[in-house]
Amino acid sequence: MLTASGFTDIDVAPAEAPMTFGADAGDATDFILAMGPVRYNLRDVDPGTTARIRSEVRDALAEFETIDGVRIPGHVWIVTASPGSTPTAASPETPRSSEA
């Protein structure tokens, strides 16, 4: 897509960066369950099931608790590219009007 758009020197590099989701597992659980897609998908779930899900998510996040908060390994791609040379259309010279 980038090449077809005229970009050159395209590079894609993986990068790792820990993501902080909250101060502790409970805080991170609240954050995750409040995210739009999760909140939307749980909107019609009965309270008992929601409580069970909350507990299971909190338990799963406990292994990521650190002194700096809940830190989950994150992986992204860093994409860089240079704009290609765009041919410029020669503009016709505008004739000057002469006033007498």
PDB file of N, CA and C in Angstrom:
ATOM      1  N   MET A   1       0.817  -1.164   0.000  1.00  0.00           N
ATOM      2  CA  MET A   1       0.000   0.000   0.000  1.00  0.00           C
ATOM      3  C   MET A   1       0.882   1.257   0.000  1.00  0.00           C
ATOM      4  N   LEU A   2       1.917   1.263   0.817  1.00  0.00           N
ATOM      5  CA  LEU A   2       2.794   2.435   0.850  1.00  0.00           C
ATOM      6  C   LEU A   2       3.518   2.622  -0.477  1.00  0.00           C
ATOM      7  N   THR A   3       4.006   1.524  -1.038  1.00  0.00           N
ATOM      8  CA  THR A   3       4.689   1.613  -2.334  1.00  0.00           C
ATOM      9  C   THR A   3       3.731   2.122  -3.400  1.00  0.00           C
ATOM     10  N   ALA A   4       2.530   1.584  -3.422  1.00  0.00           N
ATOM     11  CA  ALA A   4       1.538   2.015  -4.407  1.00  0.00           C
ATOM     12  C   ALA A   4       1.157   3.479  -4.221  1.00  0.00           C
ATOM     13  N   SER A   5       1.349   3.999  -3.016  1.00  0.00           N
ATOM     14  CA  SER A   5       1.042   5.397  -2.739  1.00  0.00           C
ATOM     15  C   SER A   5       2.221   6.318  -3.016  1.00  0.00           C
ATOM     16  N   GLY A   6       3.339   5.739  -3.476  1.00  0.00           N
ATOM     17  CA  GLY A   6       4.487   6.542  -3.853  1.00  0.00           C
ATOM     18  C   GLY A   6       5.560   6.681  -2.791  1.00  0.00           C
ATOM     19  N   PHE A   7       5.440   5.976  -1.676  1.00  0.00           N
ATOM     20  CA  PHE A   7       6.457   6.067  -0.632  1.00  0.00           C
ATOM     21  C   PHE A   7       7.647   5.176  -0.969  1.00  0.00           C
ATOM     22  N   THR A   8       8.807   5.571  -0.479  1.00  0.00           N
ATOM     23  CA  THR A   8      10.032   4.800  -0.668  1.00  0.00           C
ATOM     24  C   THR A   8      10.695   4.591   0.688  1.00  0.00           C
ATOM     25  N   ASP A   9      11.797   3.870   0.707  1.00  0.00           N
ATOM     26  CA  ASP A   9      12.550   3.614   1.945  1.00  0.00           C
ATOM     27  C   ASP A   9      11.633   3.114   3.058  1.00  0.00           C
ATOM     28  N   ILE A  10      10.795   2.169   2.732  1.00  0.00           N
ATOM     29  CA  ILE A  10       9.823   1.651   3.684  1.00  0.00           C
ATOM     30  C   ILE A  10      10.508   0.658   4.618  1.00  0.00           C
ATOM     31  N   ASP A  11      10.269   0.815   5.909  1.00  0.00           N
ATOM     32  CA  ASP A  11      10.839  -0.087   6.898  1.00  0.00           C
ATOM     33  C   ASP A  11       9.760  -0.417   7.924  1.00  0.00           C
ATOM     34  N   VAL A  12       9.705  -1.676   8.313  1.00  0.00           N
ATOM     35  CA  VAL A  12       8.772  -2.134   9.341  1.00  0.00           C
ATOM     36  C   VAL A  12       9.602  -2.843  10.398  1.00  0.00           C
ATOM     37  N   ALA A  13       9.530  -2.352  11.629  1.00  0.00           N
ATOM     38  CA  ALA A  13      10.335  -2.934  12.701  1.00  0.00           C
ATOM     39  C   ALA A  13       9.453  -3.242  13.908  1.00  0.00           C
ATOM     40  N   PRO A  14       9.589  -4.441  14.459  1.00  0.00           N
ATOM     41  CA  PRO A  14       8.830  -4.759  15.667  1.00  0.00           C
ATOM     42  C   PRO A  14       9.420  -4.021  16.865  1.00  0.00           C
ATOM     43  N   ALA A  15       8.567  -3.683  17.808  1.00  0.00           N
ATOM     44  CA  ALA A  15       9.026  -3.032  19.035  1.00  0.00           C
ATOM     45  C   ALA A  15       8.226  -3.589  20.205  1.00  0.00           C
ATOM     46  N   GLU A  16       8.895  -3.715  21.314  1.00  0.00           N
ATOM     47  CA  GLU A  16       8.237  -4.176  22.533  1.00  0.00           C
ATOM     48  C   GLU A  16       8.212  -3.034  23.530  1.00  0.00           C
ATOM     49  N   ALA A  17       7.070  -2.873  24.177  1.00  0.00           N
ATOM     50  CA  ALA A  17       6.933  -1.839  25.196  1.00  0.00           C
ATOM     51  C   ALA A  17       5.887  -2.300  26.200  1.00  0.00           C
ATOM     52  N   PRO A  18       6.257  -2.392  27.473  1.00  0.00           N
ATOM     53  CA  PRO A  18       5.257  -2.805  28.457  1.00  0.00           C
ATOM     54  C   PRO A  18       4.162  -1.740  28.572  1.00  0.00           C
ATOM     55  N   MET A  19       2.922  -2.205  28.688  1.00  0.00           N
ATOM     56  CA  MET A  19       1.780  -1.301  28.821  1.00  0.00           C
ATOM     57  C   MET A  19       1.297  -1.348  30.263  1.00  0.00           C
ATOM     58  N   THR A  20       1.078  -0.202  30.863  1.00  0.00           N
ATOM     59  CA  THR A  20       0.571  -0.139  32.229  1.00  0.00           C
ATOM     60  C   THR A  20      -0.949  -0.016  32.182  1.00  0.00           C
ATOM     61  N   PHE A  21      -1.624  -0.944  32.859  1.00  0.00           N
ATOM     62  CA  PHE A  21      -3.084  -0.979  32.831  1.00  0.00           C
ATOM     63  C   PHE A  21      -3.720  -0.512  34.126  1.00  0.00           C
ATOM     64  N   GLY A  22      -2.952  -0.334  35.167  1.00  0.00           N
ATOM     65  CA  GLY A  22      -3.521   0.127  36.431  1.00  0.00           C
ATOM     66  C   GLY A  22      -2.537  -0.051  37.561  1.00  0.00           C
ATOM     67  N   ALA A  23      -2.914   0.450  38.729  1.00  0.00           N
ATOM     68  CA  ALA A  23      -2.037   0.391  39.899  1.00  0.00           C
ATOM     69  C   ALA A  23      -1.910  -1.026  40.452  1.00  0.00           C
ATOM     70  N   ASP A  24      -2.983  -1.810  40.332  1.00  0.00           N
ATOM     71  CA  ASP A  24      -2.979  -3.199  40.785  1.00  0.00           C
ATOM     72  C   ASP A  24      -3.977  -3.978  39.921  1.00  0.00           C
ATOM     73  N   ALA A  25      -4.126  -5.276  40.206  1.00  0.00           N
ATOM     74  CA  ALA A  25      -4.988  -6.114  39.368  1.00  0.00           C
ATOM     75  C   ALA A  25      -6.441  -5.647  39.389  1.00  0.00           C
ATOM     76  N   GLY A  26      -6.924  -5.193  40.531  1.00  0.00           N
ATOM     77  CA  GLY A  26      -8.293  -4.698  40.619  1.00  0.00           C
ATOM     78  C   GLY A  26      -8.503  -3.449  39.790  1.00  0.00           C
ATOM     79  N   ASP A  27      -7.553  -2.526  39.866  1.00  0.00           N
ATOM     80  CA  ASP A  27      -7.614  -1.291  39.084  1.00  0.00           C
ATOM     81  C   ASP A  27      -7.546  -1.586  37.586  1.00  0.00           C
ATOM     82  N   ALA A  28      -6.663  -2.502  37.201  1.00  0.00           N
ATOM     83  CA  ALA A  28      -6.524  -2.878  35.793  1.00  0.00           C
ATOM     84  C   ALA A  28      -7.801  -3.554  35.288  1.00  0.00           C
ATOM     85  N   THR A  29      -8.413  -4.368  36.125  1.00  0.00           N
ATOM     86  CA  THR A  29      -9.669  -5.024  35.749  1.00  0.00           C
ATOM     87  C   THR A  29     -10.754  -3.987  35.493  1.00  0.00           C
ATOM     88  N   ASP A  30     -10.865  -3.007  36.380  1.00  0.00           N
ATOM     89  CA  ASP A  30     -11.848  -1.937  36.187  1.00  0.00           C
ATOM     90  C   ASP A  30     -11.603  -1.220  34.865  1.00  0.00           C
ATOM     91  N   PHE A  31     -10.345  -0.933  34.569  1.00  0.00           N
ATOM     92  CA  PHE A  31      -9.989  -0.248  33.328  1.00  0.00           C
ATOM     93  C   PHE A  31     -10.395  -1.071  32.104  1.00  0.00           C
ATOM     94  N   ILE A  32     -10.032  -2.341  32.106  1.00  0.00           N
ATOM     95  CA  ILE A  32     -10.324  -3.209  30.956  1.00  0.00           C
ATOM     96  C   ILE A  32     -11.832  -3.390  30.767  1.00  0.00           C
ATOM     97  N   LEU A  33     -12.560  -3.608  31.849  1.00  0.00           N
ATOM     98  CA  LEU A  33     -14.002  -3.829  31.734  1.00  0.00           C
ATOM     99  C   LEU A  33     -14.760  -2.559  31.385  1.00  0.00           C
ATOM    100  N   ALA A  34     -14.127  -1.402  31.554  1.00  0.00           N
ATOM    101  CA  ALA A  34     -14.764  -0.129  31.199  1.00  0.00           C
ATOM    102  C   ALA A  34     -14.493   0.271  29.749  1.00  0.00           C
ATOM    103  N   MET A  35     -13.571  -0.430  29.076  1.00  0.00           N
ATOM    104  CA  MET A  35     -13.282  -0.110  27.677  1.00  0.00           C
ATOM    105  C   MET A  35     -14.545  -0.307  26.843  1.00  0.00           C
ATOM    106  N   GLY A  36     -14.732   0.547  25.859  1.00  0.00           N
ATOM    107  CA  GLY A  36     -15.933   0.533  25.032  1.00  0.00           C
ATOM    108  C   GLY A  36     -16.364  -0.832  24.531  1.00  0.00           C
ATOM    109  N   PRO A  37     -15.505  -1.557  23.794  1.00  0.00           N
ATOM    110  CA  PRO A  37     -15.943  -2.857  23.253  1.00  0.00           C
ATOM    111  C   PRO A  37     -16.291  -3.865  24.347  1.00  0.00           C
ATOM    112  N   VAL A  38     -15.526  -3.889  25.415  1.00  0.00           N
ATOM    113  CA  VAL A  38     -15.799  -4.840  26.495  1.00  0.00           C
ATOM    114  C   VAL A  38     -17.103  -4.446  27.188  1.00  0.00           C
ATOM    115  N   ARG A  39     -17.208  -3.183  27.533  1.00  0.00           N
ATOM    116  CA  ARG A  39     -18.429  -2.686  28.183  1.00  0.00           C
ATOM    117  C   ARG A  39     -19.651  -2.985  27.309  1.00  0.00           C
ATOM    118  N   TYR A  40     -19.532  -2.741  26.002  1.00  0.00           N
ATOM    119  CA  TYR A  40     -20.635  -2.987  25.070  1.00  0.00           C
ATOM    120  C   TYR A  40     -21.030  -4.461  25.067  1.00  0.00           C
ATOM    121  N   ASN A  41     -20.042  -5.344  25.002  1.00  0.00           N
ATOM    122  CA  ASN A  41     -20.337  -6.778  24.936  1.00  0.00           C
ATOM    123  C   ASN A  41     -20.864  -7.342  26.252  1.00  0.00           C
ATOM    124  N   LEU A  42     -20.633  -6.667  27.357  1.00  0.00           N
ATOM    125  CA  LEU A  42     -21.130  -7.134  28.656  1.00  0.00           C
ATOM    126  C   LEU A  42     -22.429  -6.446  29.066  1.00  0.00           C
ATOM    127  N   ARG A  43     -22.959  -5.572  28.234  1.00  0.00           N
ATOM    128  CA  ARG A  43     -24.108  -4.749  28.620  1.00  0.00           C
ATOM    129  C   ARG A  43     -25.346  -5.563  28.994  1.00  0.00           C
ATOM    130  N   ASP A  44     -25.551  -6.698  28.385  1.00  0.00           N
ATOM    131  CA  ASP A  44     -26.744  -7.504  28.658  1.00  0.00           C
ATOM    132  C   ASP A  44     -26.450  -8.758  29.477  1.00  0.00           C
ATOM    133  N   VAL A  45     -25.237  -8.845  29.998  1.00  0.00           N
ATOM    134  CA  VAL A  45     -24.844 -10.020  30.775  1.00  0.00           C
ATOM    135  C   VAL A  45     -25.351  -9.842  32.209  1.00  0.00           C
ATOM    136  N   ASP A  46     -25.859 -10.928  32.770  1.00  0.00           N
ATOM    137  CA  ASP A  46     -26.408 -10.837  34.134  1.00  0.00           C
ATOM    138  C   ASP A  46     -25.305 -10.512  35.143  1.00  0.00           C
ATOM    139  N   PRO A  47     -25.661  -9.859  36.241  1.00  0.00           N
ATOM    140  CA  PRO A  47     -24.661  -9.426  37.231  1.00  0.00           C
ATOM    141  C   PRO A  47     -23.799 -10.556  37.790  1.00  0.00           C
ATOM    142  N   GLY A  48     -24.354 -11.747  37.960  1.00  0.00           N
ATOM    143  CA  GLY A  48     -23.566 -12.865  38.481  1.00  0.00           C
ATOM    144  C   GLY A  48     -22.449 -13.266  37.526  1.00  0.00           C
ATOM    145  N   THR A  49     -22.767 -13.306  36.245  1.00  0.00           N
ATOM    146  CA  THR A  49     -21.760 -13.647  35.234  1.00  0.00           C
ATOM    147  C   THR A  49     -20.712 -12.551  35.143  1.00  0.00           C
ATOM    148  N   THR A  50     -21.166 -11.300  35.202  1.00  0.00           N
ATOM    149  CA  THR A  50     -20.220 -10.174  35.162  1.00  0.00           C
ATOM    150  C   THR A  50     -19.264 -10.237  36.352  1.00  0.00           C
ATOM    151  N   ALA A  51     -19.776 -10.578  37.525  1.00  0.00           N
ATOM    152  CA  ALA A  51     -18.923 -10.700  38.718  1.00  0.00           C
ATOM    153  C   ALA A  51     -17.907 -11.818  38.548  1.00  0.00           C
ATOM    154  N   ARG A  52     -18.335 -12.938  37.959  1.00  0.00           N
ATOM    155  CA  ARG A  52     -17.404 -14.062  37.714  1.00  0.00           C
ATOM    156  C   ARG A  52     -16.324 -13.656  36.727  1.00  0.00           C
ATOM    157  N   ILE A  53     -16.721 -12.955  35.664  1.00  0.00           N
ATOM    158  CA  ILE A  53     -15.748 -12.481  34.664  1.00  0.00           C
ATOM    159  C   ILE A  53     -14.759 -11.527  35.317  1.00  0.00           C
ATOM    160  N   ARG A  54     -15.268 -10.603  36.124  1.00  0.00           N
ATOM    161  CA  ARG A  54     -14.397  -9.638  36.815  1.00  0.00           C
ATOM    162  C   ARG A  54     -13.373 -10.370  37.676  1.00  0.00           C
ATOM    163  N   SER A  55     -13.813 -11.370  38.394  1.00  0.00           N
ATOM    164  CA  SER A  55     -12.921 -12.131  39.266  1.00  0.00           C
ATOM    165  C   SER A  55     -11.859 -12.877  38.456  1.00  0.00           C
ATOM    166  N   GLU A  56     -12.271 -13.508  37.355  1.00  0.00           N
ATOM    167  CA  GLU A  56     -11.322 -14.253  36.526  1.00  0.00           C
ATOM    168  C   GLU A  56     -10.304 -13.333  35.861  1.00  0.00           C
ATOM    169  N   VAL A  57     -10.753 -12.168  35.403  1.00  0.00           N
ATOM    170  CA  VAL A  57      -9.823 -11.210  34.789  1.00  0.00           C
ATOM    171  C   VAL A  57      -8.830 -10.713  35.838  1.00  0.00           C
ATOM    172  N   ARG A  58      -9.330 -10.366  37.027  1.00  0.00           N
ATOM    173  CA  ARG A  58      -8.450  -9.888  38.105  1.00  0.00           C
ATOM    174  C   ARG A  58      -7.413 -10.957  38.451  1.00  0.00           C
ATOM    175  N   ASP A  59      -7.848 -12.211  38.547  1.00  0.00           N
ATOM    176  CA  ASP A  59      -6.906 -13.296  38.858  1.00  0.00           C
ATOM    177  C   ASP A  59      -5.850 -13.442  37.756  1.00  0.00           C
ATOM    178  N   ALA A  60      -6.261 -13.323  36.496  1.00  0.00           N
ATOM    179  CA  ALA A  60      -5.321 -13.457  35.372  1.00  0.00           C
ATOM    180  C   ALA A  60      -4.316 -12.308  35.349  1.00  0.00           C
ATOM    181  N   LEU A  61      -4.750 -11.122  35.754  1.00  0.00           N
ATOM    182  CA  LEU A  61      -3.864  -9.959  35.727  1.00  0.00           C
ATOM    183  C   LEU A  61      -2.889  -9.925  36.904  1.00  0.00           C
ATOM    184  N   ALA A  62      -3.167 -10.683  37.939  1.00  0.00           N
ATOM    185  CA  ALA A  62      -2.316 -10.660  39.135  1.00  0.00           C
ATOM    186  C   ALA A  62      -0.867 -11.007  38.809  1.00  0.00           C
ATOM    187  N   GLU A  63      -0.639 -11.894  37.847  1.00  0.00           N
ATOM    188  CA  GLU A  63       0.738 -12.282  37.518  1.00  0.00           C
ATOM    189  C   GLU A  63       1.537 -11.129  36.899  1.00  0.00           C
ATOM    190  N   PHE A  64       0.851 -10.079  36.450  1.00  0.00           N
ATOM    191  CA  PHE A  64       1.527  -8.947  35.827  1.00  0.00           C
ATOM    192  C   PHE A  64       1.724  -7.772  36.792  1.00  0.00           C
ATOM    193  N   GLU A  65       1.317  -7.932  38.041  1.00  0.00           N
ATOM    194  CA  GLU A  65       1.495  -6.864  39.027  1.00  0.00           C
ATOM    195  C   GLU A  65       2.975  -6.669  39.337  1.00  0.00           C
ATOM    196  N   THR A  66       3.384  -5.416  39.321  1.00  0.00           N
ATOM    197  CA  THR A  66       4.753  -5.049  39.695  1.00  0.00           C
ATOM    198  C   THR A  66       4.672  -3.858  40.643  1.00  0.00           C
ATOM    199  N   ILE A  67       5.788  -3.438  41.120  1.00  0.00           N
ATOM    200  CA  ILE A  67       5.839  -2.240  41.973  1.00  0.00           C
ATOM    201  C   ILE A  67       5.364  -0.997  41.208  1.00  0.00           C
ATOM    202  N   ASP A  68       5.495  -1.039  39.872  1.00  0.00           N
ATOM    203  CA  ASP A  68       5.090   0.082  39.031  1.00  0.00           C
ATOM    204  C   ASP A  68       3.664  -0.041  38.515  1.00  0.00           C
ATOM    205  N   GLY A  69       2.932  -1.054  38.938  1.00  0.00           N
ATOM    206  CA  GLY A  69       1.563  -1.269  38.487  1.00  0.00           C
ATOM    207  C   GLY A  69       1.464  -2.537  37.664  1.00  0.00           C
ATOM    208  N   VAL A  70       0.309  -2.729  37.056  1.00  0.00           N
ATOM    209  CA  VAL A  70       0.091  -3.900  36.209  1.00  0.00           C
ATOM    210  C   VAL A  70       0.720  -3.609  34.854  1.00  0.00           C
ATOM    211  N   ARG A  71       1.803  -4.318  34.544  1.00  0.00           N
ATOM    212  CA  ARG A  71       2.578  -4.080  33.316  1.00  0.00           C
ATOM    213  C   ARG A  71       2.470  -5.319  32.432  1.00  0.00           C
ATOM    214  N   ILE A  72       1.794  -5.156  31.300  1.00  0.00           N
ATOM    215  CA  ILE A  72       1.586  -6.261  30.375  1.00  0.00           C
ATOM    216  C   ILE A  72       2.486  -6.043  29.160  1.00  0.00           C
ATOM    217  N   PRO A  73       3.192  -7.088  28.714  1.00  0.00           N
ATOM    218  CA  PRO A  73       4.049  -6.919  27.536  1.00  0.00           C
ATOM    219  C   PRO A  73       3.225  -6.443  26.339  1.00  0.00           C
ATOM    220  N   GLY A  74       3.726  -5.433  25.666  1.00  0.00           N
ATOM    221  CA  GLY A  74       3.054  -4.908  24.481  1.00  0.00           C
ATOM    222  C   GLY A  74       3.955  -5.037  23.270  1.00  0.00           C
ATOM    223  N   HIS A  75       3.363  -5.293  22.131  1.00  0.00           N
ATOM    224  CA  HIS A  75       4.120  -5.439  20.889  1.00  0.00           C
ATOM    225  C   HIS A  75       3.445  -4.608  19.809  1.00  0.00           C
ATOM    226  N   VAL A  76       4.239  -3.828  19.122  1.00  0.00           N
ATOM    227  CA  VAL A  76       3.736  -2.992  18.032  1.00  0.00           C
ATOM    228  C   VAL A  76       4.705  -3.067  16.855  1.00  0.00           C
ATOM    229  N   TRP A  77       4.257  -2.552  15.724  1.00  0.00           N
ATOM    230  CA  TRP A  77       5.113  -2.418  14.552  1.00  0.00           C
ATOM    231  C   TRP A  77       5.334  -0.931  14.329  1.00  0.00           C
ATOM    232  N   ILE A  78       6.581  -0.547  14.144  1.00  0.00           N
ATOM    233  CA  ILE A  78       6.900   0.838  13.807  1.00  0.00           C
ATOM    234  C   ILE A  78       7.179   0.881  12.312  1.00  0.00           C
ATOM    235  N   VAL A  79       6.364   1.630  11.602  1.00  0.00           N
ATOM    236  CA  VAL A  79       6.472   1.715  10.147  1.00  0.00           C
ATOM    237  C   VAL A  79       6.966   3.105   9.787  1.00  0.00           C
ATOM    238  N   THR A  80       8.042   3.153   9.021  1.00  0.00           N
ATOM    239  CA  THR A  80       8.559   4.430   8.549  1.00  0.00           C
ATOM    240  C   THR A  80       8.667   4.382   7.030  1.00  0.00           C
ATOM    241  N   ALA A  81       8.567   5.543   6.415  1.00  0.00           N
ATOM    242  CA  ALA A  81       8.674   5.636   4.959  1.00  0.00           C
ATOM    243  C   ALA A  81       8.980   7.074   4.589  1.00  0.00           C
ATOM    244  N   SER A  82       9.555   7.239   3.429  1.00  0.00           N
ATOM    245  CA  SER A  82       9.853   8.579   2.908  1.00  0.00           C
ATOM    246  C   SER A  82       8.910   8.877   1.748  1.00  0.00           C
ATOM    247  N   PRO A  83       8.483  10.120   1.661  1.00  0.00           N
ATOM    248  CA  PRO A  83       7.650  10.454   0.507  1.00  0.00           C
ATOM    249  C   PRO A  83       8.486  10.331  -0.753  1.00  0.00           C
ATOM    250  N   GLY A  84       7.922   9.722  -1.765  1.00  0.00           N
ATOM    251  CA  GLY A  84       8.636   9.572  -3.027  1.00  0.00           C
ATOM    252  C   GLY A  84       8.695  10.900  -3.749  1.00  0.00           C
ATOM    253  N   SER A  85       9.500  10.958  -4.767  1.00  0.00           N
ATOM    254  CA  SER A  85       9.575  12.203  -5.529  1.00  0.00           C
ATOM    255  C   SER A  85       8.328  12.303  -6.395  1.00  0.00           C
ATOM    256  N   THR A  86       7.696  13.419  -6.299  1.00  0.00           N
ATOM    257  CA  THR A  86       6.479  13.651  -7.070  1.00  0.00           C
ATOM    258  C   THR A  86       6.830  14.547  -8.241  1.00  0.00           C
ATOM    259  N   PRO A  87       6.581  14.069  -9.435  1.00  0.00           N
ATOM    260  CA  PRO A  87       6.890  14.937 -10.572  1.00  0.00           C
ATOM    261  C   PRO A  87       6.001  16.172 -10.529  1.00  0.00           C
ATOM    262  N   THR A  88       6.623  17.312 -10.748  1.00  0.00           N
ATOM    263  CA  THR A  88       5.846  18.549 -10.749  1.00  0.00           C
ATOM    264  C   THR A  88       5.518  18.925 -12.177  1.00  0.00           C
ATOM    265  N   ALA A  89       4.311  19.335 -12.370  1.00  0.00           N
ATOM    266  CA  ALA A  89       3.884  19.740 -13.712  1.00  0.00           C
ATOM    267  C   ALA A  89       4.453  21.114 -14.008  1.00  0.00           C
ATOM    268  N   ALA A  90       4.986  21.253 -15.182  1.00  0.00           N
ATOM    269  CA  ALA A  90       5.517  22.561 -15.564  1.00  0.00           C
ATOM    270  C   ALA A  90       4.340  23.516 -15.724  1.00  0.00           C
ATOM    271  N   SER A  91       4.435  24.632 -15.031  1.00  0.00           N
ATOM    272  CA  SER A  91       3.335  25.585 -15.135  1.00  0.00           C
ATOM    273  C   SER A  91       3.618  26.534 -16.286  1.00  0.00           C
ATOM    274  N   PRO A  92       2.613  26.749 -17.097  1.00  0.00           N
ATOM    275  CA  PRO A  92       2.828  27.658 -18.228  1.00  0.00           C
ATOM    276  C   PRO A  92       3.083  29.068 -17.712  1.00  0.00           C
ATOM    277  N   GLU A  93       3.961  29.745 -18.395  1.00  0.00           N
ATOM    278  CA  GLU A  93       4.272  31.105 -18.001  1.00  0.00           C
ATOM    279  C   GLU A  93       3.063  31.988 -18.262  1.00  0.00           C
ATOM    280  N   THR A  94       2.732  32.762 -17.290  1.00  0.00           N
ATOM    281  CA  THR A  94       1.597  33.662 -17.456  1.00  0.00           C
ATOM    282  C   THR A  94       2.075  34.919 -18.155  1.00  0.00           C
ATOM    283  N   PRO A  95       1.455  35.235 -19.270  1.00  0.00           N
ATOM    284  CA  PRO A  95       1.892  36.456 -19.975  1.00  0.00           C
ATOM    285  C   PRO A  95       1.600  37.681 -19.130  1.00  0.00           C
ATOM    286  N   ARG A  96       2.528  38.617 -19.172  1.00  0.00           N
ATOM    287  CA  ARG A  96       2.347  39.856 -18.421  1.00  0.00           C
ATOM    288  C   ARG A  96       1.512  40.814 -19.270  1.00  0.00           C
ATOM    289  N   SER A  97       0.641  41.460 -18.623  1.00  0.00           N
ATOM    290  CA  SER A  97      -0.129  42.460 -19.368  1.00  0.00           C
ATOM    291  C   SER A  97       0.664  43.749 -19.345  1.00  0.00           C
ATOM    292  N   SER A  98       0.673  44.402 -20.451  1.00  0.00           N
ATOM    293  CA  SER A  98       1.434  45.664 -20.518  1.00  0.00           C
ATOM    294  C   SER A  98       0.438  46.828 -20.543  1.00  0.00           C
ATOM    295  N   GLU A  99       0.723  47.748 -19.711  1.00  0.00           N
ATOM    296  CA  GLU A  99      -0.126  48.932 -19.675  1.00  0.00           C
ATOM    297  C   GLU A  99       0.643  50.068 -20.291  1.00  0.00           C
ATOM    298  N   ALA A 100      -0.039  50.832 -21.121  1.00  0.00           N
ATOM    299  CA  ALA A 100       0.621  51.957 -21.771  1.00  0.00           C
ATOM    300  C   ALA A 100       0.418  53.228 -21.049  1.00  0.00           C
TER     301      ALA A 100
END
